[in-house]
């Protein structure tokens, strides 16, 4: 799999910001078919950092209703990437 198609976008929420500050963990939305090794190699190559570990979570899409119509959001995959001590990725560089 191409490293540019493995990582879709960073997941920036209040929870992931706290994890980044406290434990040096970054969260990404990744391709559903990507495995931990592909995610690790993509992060190492794209951001030029050393990766300690990768944890993945498959997130089920919610069932939503608008009036009489019922639909379902897509399933997606989340990856928590722990960086080695001294490495940092800043998405909002000033």
PDB file of N, CA and C in Angstrom:
ATOM      1  N   UNK A   1       0.844  -1.174   0.000  1.00  0.00           N
ATOM      2  CA  UNK A   1       0.000   0.000   0.000  1.00  0.00           C
ATOM      3  C   UNK A   1       0.894   1.244   0.000  1.00  0.00           C
ATOM      4  N   UNK A   2       0.499   2.246  -0.742  1.00  0.00           N
ATOM      5  CA  UNK A   2       1.222   3.510  -0.845  1.00  0.00           C
ATOM      6  C   UNK A   2       1.180   4.243   0.498  1.00  0.00           C
ATOM      7  N   UNK A   3       2.322   4.800   0.940  1.00  0.00           N
ATOM      8  CA  UNK A   3       2.352   5.460   2.252  1.00  0.00           C
ATOM      9  C   UNK A   3       1.468   6.695   2.289  1.00  0.00           C
ATOM     10  N   UNK A   4       1.207   7.298   1.134  1.00  0.00           N
ATOM     11  CA  UNK A   4       0.359   8.492   1.097  1.00  0.00           C
ATOM     12  C   UNK A   4      -1.123   8.152   1.195  1.00  0.00           C
ATOM     13  N   UNK A   5      -1.492   6.900   0.960  1.00  0.00           N
ATOM     14  CA  UNK A   5      -2.888   6.506   1.086  1.00  0.00           C
ATOM     15  C   UNK A   5      -3.168   5.827   2.426  1.00  0.00           C
ATOM     16  N   UNK A   6      -2.131   5.527   3.202  1.00  0.00           N
ATOM     17  CA  UNK A   6      -2.328   4.885   4.502  1.00  0.00           C
ATOM     18  C   UNK A   6      -2.921   5.877   5.494  1.00  0.00           C
ATOM     19  N   UNK A   7      -2.294   7.047   5.638  1.00  0.00           N
ATOM     20  CA  UNK A   7      -2.761   8.063   6.586  1.00  0.00           C
ATOM     21  C   UNK A   7      -3.652   9.044   5.848  1.00  0.00           C
ATOM     22  N   UNK A   8      -4.904   9.135   6.293  1.00  0.00           N
ATOM     23  CA  UNK A   8      -5.842  10.064   5.651  1.00  0.00           C
ATOM     24  C   UNK A   8      -5.710  11.470   6.225  1.00  0.00           C
ATOM     25  N   UNK A   9      -5.760  11.589   7.569  1.00  0.00           N
ATOM     26  CA  UNK A   9      -5.627  12.896   8.193  1.00  0.00           C
ATOM     27  C   UNK A   9      -5.391  12.720   9.683  1.00  0.00           C
ATOM     28  N   UNK A  10      -4.818  13.720  10.334  1.00  0.00           N
ATOM     29  CA  UNK A  10      -4.653  13.641  11.788  1.00  0.00           C
ATOM     30  C   UNK A  10      -5.994  13.857  12.483  1.00  0.00           C
ATOM     31  N   UNK A  11      -6.149  13.216  13.618  1.00  0.00           N
ATOM     32  CA  UNK A  11      -7.366  13.359  14.411  1.00  0.00           C
ATOM     33  C   UNK A  11      -7.046  14.303  15.556  1.00  0.00           C
ATOM     34  N   UNK A  12      -7.552  15.528  15.461  1.00  0.00           N
ATOM     35  CA  UNK A  12      -7.237  16.555  16.450  1.00  0.00           C
ATOM     36  C   UNK A  12      -8.504  16.871  17.241  1.00  0.00           C
ATOM     37  N   UNK A  13      -8.532  16.354  18.465  1.00  0.00           N
ATOM     38  CA  UNK A  13      -9.632  16.601  19.385  1.00  0.00           C
ATOM     39  C   UNK A  13      -9.034  17.009  20.723  1.00  0.00           C
ATOM     40  N   UNK A  14      -9.886  17.326  21.668  1.00  0.00           N
ATOM     41  CA  UNK A  14      -9.404  17.691  22.995  1.00  0.00           C
ATOM     42  C   UNK A  14      -8.682  16.514  23.649  1.00  0.00           C
ATOM     43  N   UNK A  15      -9.239  15.307  23.494  1.00  0.00           N
ATOM     44  CA  UNK A  15      -8.645  14.112  24.080  1.00  0.00           C
ATOM     45  C   UNK A  15      -7.277  13.809  23.467  1.00  0.00           C
ATOM     46  N   UNK A  16      -7.166  13.884  22.142  1.00  0.00           N
ATOM     47  CA  UNK A  16      -5.893  13.561  21.500  1.00  0.00           C
ATOM     48  C   UNK A  16      -4.832  14.629  21.774  1.00  0.00           C
ATOM     49  N   UNK A  17      -5.244  15.872  21.966  1.00  0.00           N
ATOM     50  CA  UNK A  17      -4.294  16.922  22.316  1.00  0.00           C
ATOM     51  C   UNK A  17      -3.704  16.688  23.702  1.00  0.00           C
ATOM     52  N   UNK A  18      -4.529  16.253  24.641  1.00  0.00           N
ATOM     53  CA  UNK A  18      -4.042  15.935  25.986  1.00  0.00           C
ATOM     54  C   UNK A  18      -3.086  14.744  25.934  1.00  0.00           C
ATOM     55  N   UNK A  19      -3.428  13.720  25.149  1.00  0.00           N
ATOM     56  CA  UNK A  19      -2.552  12.550  24.999  1.00  0.00           C
ATOM     57  C   UNK A  19      -1.211  12.933  24.383  1.00  0.00           C
ATOM     58  N   UNK A  20      -1.242  13.849  23.424  1.00  0.00           N
ATOM     59  CA  UNK A  20      -0.007  14.295  22.787  1.00  0.00           C
ATOM     60  C   UNK A  20       0.883  15.020  23.792  1.00  0.00           C
ATOM     61  N   UNK A  21       0.306  15.875  24.602  1.00  0.00           N
ATOM     62  CA  UNK A  21       1.083  16.636  25.573  1.00  0.00           C
ATOM     63  C   UNK A  21       1.616  15.754  26.704  1.00  0.00           C
ATOM     64  N   UNK A  22       0.791  14.823  27.190  1.00  0.00           N
ATOM     65  CA  UNK A  22       1.166  14.026  28.357  1.00  0.00           C
ATOM     66  C   UNK A  22       2.008  12.795  28.010  1.00  0.00           C
ATOM     67  N   UNK A  23       1.656  12.084  26.927  1.00  0.00           N
ATOM     68  CA  UNK A  23       2.278  10.785  26.648  1.00  0.00           C
ATOM     69  C   UNK A  23       2.940  10.688  25.281  1.00  0.00           C
ATOM     70  N   UNK A  24       3.012  11.795  24.526  1.00  0.00           N
ATOM     71  CA  UNK A  24       3.645  11.815  23.202  1.00  0.00           C
ATOM     72  C   UNK A  24       2.957  10.837  22.235  1.00  0.00           C
ATOM     73  N   UNK A  25       1.615  10.834  22.270  1.00  0.00           N
ATOM     74  CA  UNK A  25       0.804   9.967  21.415  1.00  0.00           C
ATOM     75  C   UNK A  25       0.033  10.829  20.421  1.00  0.00           C
ATOM     76  N   UNK A  26       0.094  10.454  19.132  1.00  0.00           N
ATOM     77  CA  UNK A  26      -0.605  11.182  18.081  1.00  0.00           C
ATOM     78  C   UNK A  26      -1.661  10.266  17.473  1.00  0.00           C
ATOM     79  N   UNK A  27      -2.838  10.807  17.175  1.00  0.00           N
ATOM     80  CA  UNK A  27      -3.920  10.020  16.598  1.00  0.00           C
ATOM     81  C   UNK A  27      -4.124  10.385  15.134  1.00  0.00           C
ATOM     82  N   UNK A  28      -4.368   9.373  14.305  1.00  0.00           N
ATOM     83  CA  UNK A  28      -4.610   9.563  12.883  1.00  0.00           C
ATOM     84  C   UNK A  28      -5.840   8.778  12.464  1.00  0.00           C
ATOM     85  N   UNK A  29      -6.537   9.292  11.452  1.00  0.00           N
ATOM     86  CA  UNK A  29      -7.545   8.507  10.745  1.00  0.00           C
ATOM     87  C   UNK A  29      -6.809   7.840   9.599  1.00  0.00           C
ATOM     88  N   UNK A  30      -6.892   6.505   9.533  1.00  0.00           N
ATOM     89  CA  UNK A  30      -6.128   5.752   8.553  1.00  0.00           C
ATOM     90  C   UNK A  30      -7.057   4.928   7.674  1.00  0.00           C
ATOM     91  N   UNK A  31      -6.483   4.363   6.613  1.00  0.00           N
ATOM     92  CA  UNK A  31      -7.230   3.507   5.704  1.00  0.00           C
ATOM     93  C   UNK A  31      -7.697   2.252   6.444  1.00  0.00           C
ATOM     94  N   UNK A  32      -8.897   1.767   6.121  1.00  0.00           N
ATOM     95  CA  UNK A  32      -9.456   0.597   6.800  1.00  0.00           C
ATOM     96  C   UNK A  32      -8.620  -0.661   6.602  1.00  0.00           C
ATOM     97  N   UNK A  33      -7.898  -0.759   5.491  1.00  0.00           N
ATOM     98  CA  UNK A  33      -7.112  -1.956   5.195  1.00  0.00           C
ATOM     99  C   UNK A  33      -5.675  -1.863   5.678  1.00  0.00           C
ATOM    100  N   UNK A  34      -5.275  -0.744   6.262  1.00  0.00           N
ATOM    101  CA  UNK A  34      -3.891  -0.561   6.699  1.00  0.00           C
ATOM    102  C   UNK A  34      -3.638  -1.342   7.983  1.00  0.00           C
ATOM    103  N   UNK A  35      -2.445  -1.955   8.067  1.00  0.00           N
ATOM    104  CA  UNK A  35      -2.073  -2.645   9.297  1.00  0.00           C
ATOM    105  C   UNK A  35      -1.066  -1.806  10.072  1.00  0.00           C
ATOM    106  N   UNK A  36      -0.666  -2.294  11.251  1.00  0.00           N
ATOM    107  CA  UNK A  36       0.199  -1.514  12.137  1.00  0.00           C
ATOM    108  C   UNK A  36       1.569  -1.259  11.528  1.00  0.00           C
ATOM    109  N   UNK A  37       2.104  -2.218  10.805  1.00  0.00           N
ATOM    110  CA  UNK A  37       3.424  -2.063  10.200  1.00  0.00           C
ATOM    111  C   UNK A  37       3.390  -0.988   9.121  1.00  0.00           C
ATOM    112  N   UNK A  38       2.351  -0.986   8.294  1.00  0.00           N
ATOM    113  CA  UNK A  38       2.216   0.034   7.253  1.00  0.00           C
ATOM    114  C   UNK A  38       2.037   1.425   7.862  1.00  0.00           C
ATOM    115  N   UNK A  39       1.264   1.521   8.936  1.00  0.00           N
ATOM    116  CA  UNK A  39       1.045   2.801   9.600  1.00  0.00           C
ATOM    117  C   UNK A  39       2.354   3.309  10.195  1.00  0.00           C
ATOM    118  N   UNK A  40       3.110   2.421  10.833  1.00  0.00           N
ATOM    119  CA  UNK A  40       4.397   2.805  11.426  1.00  0.00           C
ATOM    120  C   UNK A  40       5.362   3.311  10.360  1.00  0.00           C
ATOM    121  N   UNK A  41       5.469   2.599   9.246  1.00  0.00           N
ATOM    122  CA  UNK A  41       6.374   3.017   8.177  1.00  0.00           C
ATOM    123  C   UNK A  41       5.938   4.341   7.550  1.00  0.00           C
ATOM    124  N   UNK A  42       4.638   4.544   7.410  1.00  0.00           N
ATOM    125  CA  UNK A  42       4.135   5.787   6.826  1.00  0.00           C
ATOM    126  C   UNK A  42       4.438   6.984   7.724  1.00  0.00           C
ATOM    127  N   UNK A  43       4.235   6.841   9.031  1.00  0.00           N
ATOM    128  CA  UNK A  43       4.502   7.936   9.960  1.00  0.00           C
ATOM    129  C   UNK A  43       5.997   8.242  10.003  1.00  0.00           C
ATOM    130  N   UNK A  44       6.834   7.194  10.022  1.00  0.00           N
ATOM    131  CA  UNK A  44       8.284   7.396  10.030  1.00  0.00           C
ATOM    132  C   UNK A  44       8.740   8.147   8.787  1.00  0.00           C
ATOM    133  N   UNK A  45       8.201   7.784   7.636  1.00  0.00           N
ATOM    134  CA  UNK A  45       8.623   8.393   6.383  1.00  0.00           C
ATOM    135  C   UNK A  45       8.078   9.807   6.215  1.00  0.00           C
ATOM    136  N   UNK A  46       6.800  10.007   6.477  1.00  0.00           N
ATOM    137  CA  UNK A  46       6.172  11.300   6.228  1.00  0.00           C
ATOM    138  C   UNK A  46       6.606  12.382   7.223  1.00  0.00           C
ATOM    139  N   UNK A  47       6.751  12.026   8.489  1.00  0.00           N
ATOM    140  CA  UNK A  47       7.019  13.034   9.514  1.00  0.00           C
ATOM    141  C   UNK A  47       8.456  12.991  10.031  1.00  0.00           C
ATOM    142  N   UNK A  48       9.250  12.019   9.574  1.00  0.00           N
ATOM    143  CA  UNK A  48      10.664  11.924   9.927  1.00  0.00           C
ATOM    144  C   UNK A  48      10.856  11.841  11.442  1.00  0.00           C
ATOM    145  N   UNK A  49      10.129  10.907  12.082  1.00  0.00           N
ATOM    146  CA  UNK A  49      10.206  10.686  13.518  1.00  0.00           C
ATOM    147  C   UNK A  49      10.397   9.194  13.783  1.00  0.00           C
ATOM    148  N   UNK A  50      10.778   8.853  15.014  1.00  0.00           N
ATOM    149  CA  UNK A  50      10.909   7.457  15.432  1.00  0.00           C
ATOM    150  C   UNK A  50       9.632   7.041  16.154  1.00  0.00           C
ATOM    151  N   UNK A  51       9.064   5.899  15.736  1.00  0.00           N
ATOM    152  CA  UNK A  51       7.802   5.408  16.296  1.00  0.00           C
ATOM    153  C   UNK A  51       8.096   4.283  17.277  1.00  0.00           C
ATOM    154  N   UNK A  52       7.490   4.384  18.464  1.00  0.00           N
ATOM    155  CA  UNK A  52       7.670   3.345  19.478  1.00  0.00           C
ATOM    156  C   UNK A  52       6.632   2.241  19.328  1.00  0.00           C
ATOM    157  N   UNK A  53       5.335   2.608  19.204  1.00  0.00           N
ATOM    158  CA  UNK A  53       4.286   1.602  19.060  1.00  0.00           C
ATOM    159  C   UNK A  53       3.087   2.201  18.334  1.00  0.00           C
ATOM    160  N   UNK A  54       2.229   1.301  17.829  1.00  0.00           N
ATOM    161  CA  UNK A  54       1.017   1.698  17.127  1.00  0.00           C
ATOM    162  C   UNK A  54      -0.144   0.863  17.668  1.00  0.00           C
ATOM    163  N   UNK A  55      -1.232   1.520  18.011  1.00  0.00           N
ATOM    164  CA  UNK A  55      -2.456   0.841  18.432  1.00  0.00           C
ATOM    165  C   UNK A  55      -3.566   1.280  17.488  1.00  0.00           C
ATOM    166  N   UNK A  56      -4.392   0.335  17.052  1.00  0.00           N
ATOM    167  CA  UNK A  56      -5.460   0.663  16.109  1.00  0.00           C
ATOM    168  C   UNK A  56      -6.824   0.339  16.715  1.00  0.00           C
ATOM    169  N   UNK A  57      -7.831   1.085  16.259  1.00  0.00           N
ATOM    170  CA  UNK A  57      -9.207   0.906  16.703  1.00  0.00           C
ATOM    171  C   UNK A  57     -10.108   1.003  15.486  1.00  0.00           C
ATOM    172  N   UNK A  58     -10.984   0.008  15.301  1.00  0.00           N
ATOM    173  CA  UNK A  58     -11.997   0.086  14.265  1.00  0.00           C
ATOM    174  C   UNK A  58     -13.238   0.731  14.862  1.00  0.00           C
ATOM    175  N   UNK A  59     -13.649   1.859  14.302  1.00  0.00           N
ATOM    176  CA  UNK A  59     -14.777   2.622  14.816  1.00  0.00           C
ATOM    177  C   UNK A  59     -15.989   2.339  13.932  1.00  0.00           C
ATOM    178  N   UNK A  60     -17.057   1.868  14.554  1.00  0.00           N
ATOM    179  CA  UNK A  60     -18.279   1.564  13.815  1.00  0.00           C
ATOM    180  C   UNK A  60     -19.041   2.850  13.531  1.00  0.00           C
ATOM    181  N   UNK A  61     -19.576   2.973  12.315  1.00  0.00           N
ATOM    182  CA  UNK A  61     -20.362   4.137  11.950  1.00  0.00           C
ATOM    183  C   UNK A  61     -21.701   4.155  12.671  1.00  0.00           C
ATOM    184  N   UNK A  62     -22.144   5.346  12.996  1.00  0.00           N
ATOM    185  CA  UNK A  62     -23.406   5.495  13.720  1.00  0.00           C
ATOM    186  C   UNK A  62     -24.590   5.384  12.772  1.00  0.00           C
ATOM    187  N   UNK A  63     -25.694   4.892  13.291  1.00  0.00           N
ATOM    188  CA  UNK A  63     -26.948   4.876  12.544  1.00  0.00           C
ATOM    189  C   UNK A  63     -27.650   6.197  12.810  1.00  0.00           C
ATOM    190  N   UNK A  64     -27.969   6.924  11.752  1.00  0.00           N
ATOM    191  CA  UNK A  64     -28.590   8.238  11.868  1.00  0.00           C
ATOM    192  C   UNK A  64     -29.954   8.220  11.188  1.00  0.00           C
ATOM    193  N   UNK A  65     -30.823   9.089  11.673  1.00  0.00           N
ATOM    194  CA  UNK A  65     -32.173   9.155  11.134  1.00  0.00           C
ATOM    195  C   UNK A  65     -32.539  10.599  10.869  1.00  0.00           C
ATOM    196  N   UNK A  66     -33.090  10.859   9.674  1.00  0.00           N
ATOM    197  CA  UNK A  66     -33.597  12.174   9.321  1.00  0.00           C
ATOM    198  C   UNK A  66     -35.034  11.966   8.856  1.00  0.00           C
ATOM    199  N   UNK A  67     -35.975  12.343   9.710  1.00  0.00           N
ATOM    200  CA  UNK A  67     -37.375  12.115   9.380  1.00  0.00           C
ATOM    201  C   UNK A  67     -37.670  10.625   9.340  1.00  0.00           C
ATOM    202  N   UNK A  68     -38.211  10.157   8.198  1.00  0.00           N
ATOM    203  CA  UNK A  68     -38.509   8.734   8.047  1.00  0.00           C
ATOM    204  C   UNK A  68     -37.323   7.945   7.512  1.00  0.00           C
ATOM    205  N   UNK A  69     -36.318   8.632   7.020  1.00  0.00           N
ATOM    206  CA  UNK A  69     -35.181   7.959   6.398  1.00  0.00           C
ATOM    207  C   UNK A  69     -34.135   7.554   7.442  1.00  0.00           C
ATOM    208  N   UNK A  70     -33.634   6.342   7.301  1.00  0.00           N
ATOM    209  CA  UNK A  70     -32.602   5.837   8.186  1.00  0.00           C
ATOM    210  C   UNK A  70     -31.354   5.556   7.350  1.00  0.00           C
ATOM    211  N   UNK A  71     -30.220   6.037   7.825  1.00  0.00           N
ATOM    212  CA  UNK A  71     -28.959   5.811   7.129  1.00  0.00           C
ATOM    213  C   UNK A  71     -27.872   5.447   8.117  1.00  0.00           C
ATOM    214  N   UNK A  72     -26.706   5.094   7.589  1.00  0.00           N
ATOM    215  CA  UNK A  72     -25.586   4.701   8.431  1.00  0.00           C
ATOM    216  C   UNK A  72     -24.324   5.382   7.930  1.00  0.00           C
ATOM    217  N   UNK A  73     -23.572   5.956   8.855  1.00  0.00           N
ATOM    218  CA  UNK A  73     -22.288   6.537   8.510  1.00  0.00           C
ATOM    219  C   UNK A  73     -21.283   5.423   8.265  1.00  0.00           C
ATOM    220  N   UNK A  74     -20.217   5.753   7.563  1.00  0.00           N
ATOM    221  CA  UNK A  74     -19.208   4.759   7.215  1.00  0.00           C
ATOM    222  C   UNK A  74     -18.391   4.351   8.442  1.00  0.00           C
ATOM    223  N   UNK A  75     -17.925   3.087   8.437  1.00  0.00           N
ATOM    224  CA  UNK A  75     -16.969   2.632   9.433  1.00  0.00           C
ATOM    225  C   UNK A  75     -15.601   3.228   9.097  1.00  0.00           C
ATOM    226  N   UNK A  76     -14.772   3.468  10.115  1.00  0.00           N
ATOM    227  CA  UNK A  76     -13.450   4.021   9.880  1.00  0.00           C
ATOM    228  C   UNK A  76     -12.476   3.481  10.908  1.00  0.00           C
ATOM    229  N   UNK A  77     -11.198   3.702  10.641  1.00  0.00           N
ATOM    230  CA  UNK A  77     -10.147   3.171  11.492  1.00  0.00           C
ATOM    231  C   UNK A  77      -9.308   4.305  12.059  1.00  0.00           C
ATOM    232  N   UNK A  78      -8.980   4.176  13.350  1.00  0.00           N
ATOM    233  CA  UNK A  78      -8.204   5.176  14.064  1.00  0.00           C
ATOM    234  C   UNK A  78      -6.907   4.521  14.528  1.00  0.00           C
ATOM    235  N   UNK A  79      -5.800   5.256  14.448  1.00  0.00           N
ATOM    236  CA  UNK A  79      -4.513   4.741  14.910  1.00  0.00           C
ATOM    237  C   UNK A  79      -3.923   5.699  15.932  1.00  0.00           C
ATOM    238  N   UNK A  80      -3.495   5.138  17.071  1.00  0.00           N
ATOM    239  CA  UNK A  80      -2.775   5.890  18.090  1.00  0.00           C
ATOM    240  C   UNK A  80      -1.297   5.531  17.951  1.00  0.00           C
ATOM    241  N   UNK A  81      -0.478   6.508  17.593  1.00  0.00           N
ATOM    242  CA  UNK A  81       0.950   6.287  17.351  1.00  0.00           C
ATOM    243  C   UNK A  81       1.736   6.915  18.497  1.00  0.00           C
ATOM    244  N   UNK A  82       2.498   6.086  19.220  1.00  0.00           N
ATOM    245  CA  UNK A  82       3.347   6.565  20.296  1.00  0.00           C
ATOM    246  C   UNK A  82       4.732   6.828  19.732  1.00  0.00           C
ATOM    247  N   UNK A  83       5.199   8.067  19.916  1.00  0.00           N
ATOM    248  CA  UNK A  83       6.519   8.446  19.425  1.00  0.00           C
ATOM    249  C   UNK A  83       7.566   8.226  20.511  1.00  0.00           C
ATOM    250  N   UNK A  84       8.802   7.948  20.081  1.00  0.00           N
ATOM    251  CA  UNK A  84       9.887   7.783  21.040  1.00  0.00           C
ATOM    252  C   UNK A  84      10.218   9.126  21.676  1.00  0.00           C
ATOM    253  N   UNK A  85      10.847   9.055  22.834  1.00  0.00           N
ATOM    254  CA  UNK A  85      11.199  10.257  23.609  1.00  0.00           C
ATOM    255  C   UNK A  85      12.060  11.196  22.771  1.00  0.00           C
ATOM    256  N   UNK A  86      11.718  12.459  22.769  1.00  0.00           N
ATOM    257  CA  UNK A  86      12.484  13.453  22.023  1.00  0.00           C
ATOM    258  C   UNK A  86      11.935  13.748  20.638  1.00  0.00           C
ATOM    259  N   UNK A  87      11.005  12.946  20.127  1.00  0.00           N
ATOM    260  CA  UNK A  87      10.395  13.179  18.831  1.00  0.00           C
ATOM    261  C   UNK A  87       9.083  13.925  19.013  1.00  0.00           C
ATOM    262  N   UNK A  88       8.749  14.765  18.027  1.00  0.00           N
ATOM    263  CA  UNK A  88       7.537  15.560  18.124  1.00  0.00           C
ATOM    264  C   UNK A  88       7.022  15.868  16.729  1.00  0.00           C
ATOM    265  N   UNK A  89       5.705  15.887  16.567  1.00  0.00           N
ATOM    266  CA  UNK A  89       5.069  16.305  15.316  1.00  0.00           C
ATOM    267  C   UNK A  89       4.123  17.437  15.666  1.00  0.00           C
ATOM    268  N   UNK A  90       4.299  18.585  15.004  1.00  0.00           N
ATOM    269  CA  UNK A  90       3.459  19.745  15.275  1.00  0.00           C
ATOM    270  C   UNK A  90       2.653  20.039  14.021  1.00  0.00           C
ATOM    271  N   UNK A  91       1.331  19.893  14.101  1.00  0.00           N
ATOM    272  CA  UNK A  91       0.473  20.128  12.930  1.00  0.00           C
ATOM    273  C   UNK A  91       0.177  21.598  12.732  1.00  0.00           C
ATOM    274  N   UNK A  92       0.300  22.414  13.773  1.00  0.00           N
ATOM    275  CA  UNK A  92       0.007  23.834  13.691  1.00  0.00           C
ATOM    276  C   UNK A  92       1.269  24.632  13.984  1.00  0.00           C
ATOM    277  N   UNK A  93       2.222  24.559  13.081  1.00  0.00           N
ATOM    278  CA  UNK A  93       3.473  25.276  13.280  1.00  0.00           C
ATOM    279  C   UNK A  93       3.250  26.763  13.039  1.00  0.00           C
ATOM    280  N   UNK A  94       3.837  27.585  13.881  1.00  0.00           N
ATOM    281  CA  UNK A  94       3.670  29.027  13.755  1.00  0.00           C
ATOM    282  C   UNK A  94       4.899  29.656  13.150  1.00  0.00           C
TER     283      UNK A  94
END
